[in-house]
Amino acid sequence: MASEVAAAQEALSRLIDRYGQSEPESADVIVALGGDGFMLQTLHATQALDVPVYGMNRGTVGFLMNEFAVERLEERLSDAELEVINPLRMRAQTVTGDEVEKLAINEVSLLRAGPQAAKLAISVDGRRRMAELVCDGALIATPAGSTAYNYSAHGPILPIGADVLTLTAIAAFRPRRWRGALLPKQASVRFDVLEPEKRPVMADADSRSAGQVTSVVVESAADIRHKVLFDPGHGLEERLIREQFV
């Protein structure tokens, strides 16, 4: 499977010529050609198949991808190391009264949708932990997604096996410079939007928008397992460590 960019389409043609092609439903492995964005699309699109995905970088960013090469693909797939990722499940209540449910492999983010800062109240496992966070937004990221938007917002990089999530504020104003919190993977986090008409807030799951919201609940989806393959010595654990020393 390949993204629409020319480099990915050219790589797809070369690999099919050499190794053949199969429908996803009958495949043992899915090879995804593109960048991290296309890898996320592929994982979401194939989650019901329980088939591991091996990404090769033909895009701009490739944190979830392996280096591209036409040669030795079958050997690389045979030797690849498996990482299992549980996504986040977002349940958002919109300003129109609808409930929207979406999954996120990297992060669920709430972002202000108007000229004024957002005001959010945060509860963890039913207990109010912060009565008012004034900010441009906030996000919950998985370990796999901790090097993406979360890292750009100055959140921590999480080891894959840590069984924690990071709650990171985006441009926090009050409390001043509040950086967020580390939470157990099993935690249920609720955001309530204060003054939603005056200070509108949008909610996204891996950049897939739920629209303007009044509240969002985020939990780890333990019932869904994404299988991702990496070349030996270049798995997510190694990449997360290496990213902190560059």
Foldseek 3Di string as FASTA:
>chain_A
DEDPDPQRVVLVVLLCVPPNDDDLLPDQEAEYEEAPLSVQVVLVVCQVNPHAYAYEYPYDHHLQHAHDDSPPPVVQVVQWDKDKFWWKWKWFQAPVGDTDIDTARFKKKKAWDDDAWWWKFKDKQNHTDRGTWTARIKMKGALLNCVPVVVVQVHARDANPPQWIWIATRGTPVVNPDGGDIGGLAMKMKIATDPCVVTWMWMDHSNRTPGTGGMMIMHTDPVTIHMYIDGPPSDSNNSSVVVVVD
